[in-house]
Amino acid sequence: MSGPVEDSINRLTAKRKSALMIEILQGKTTMNEASRTYDLTPTEIEGWVDDARRGMKNALRAGFKTMLSALESR
């Protein structure tokens, strides 16, 4: 049975998610391998990869300093 404590323990941090996305984008691991390793659905991982690609594209489009300023103003 899965409860709130188990869910929070199994949840990936943003730092771990970003490291996993980098590994996938660099071809060091596949979405299927990550899915099995972290007990995640391929659809969930695909969403993260899509988010990562959009984030990189936006960061490159806007420039790092502009993105940093926007984040700091929040």
Foldseek 3Di string as FASTA:
>chain_A
DDDPVNVVVLDDDPVRLVVVLVCCVVVVDHLVVVCVVSVHDSVVNVVSNVVVVVVVVVCVVCDVVSVVVVVVVD
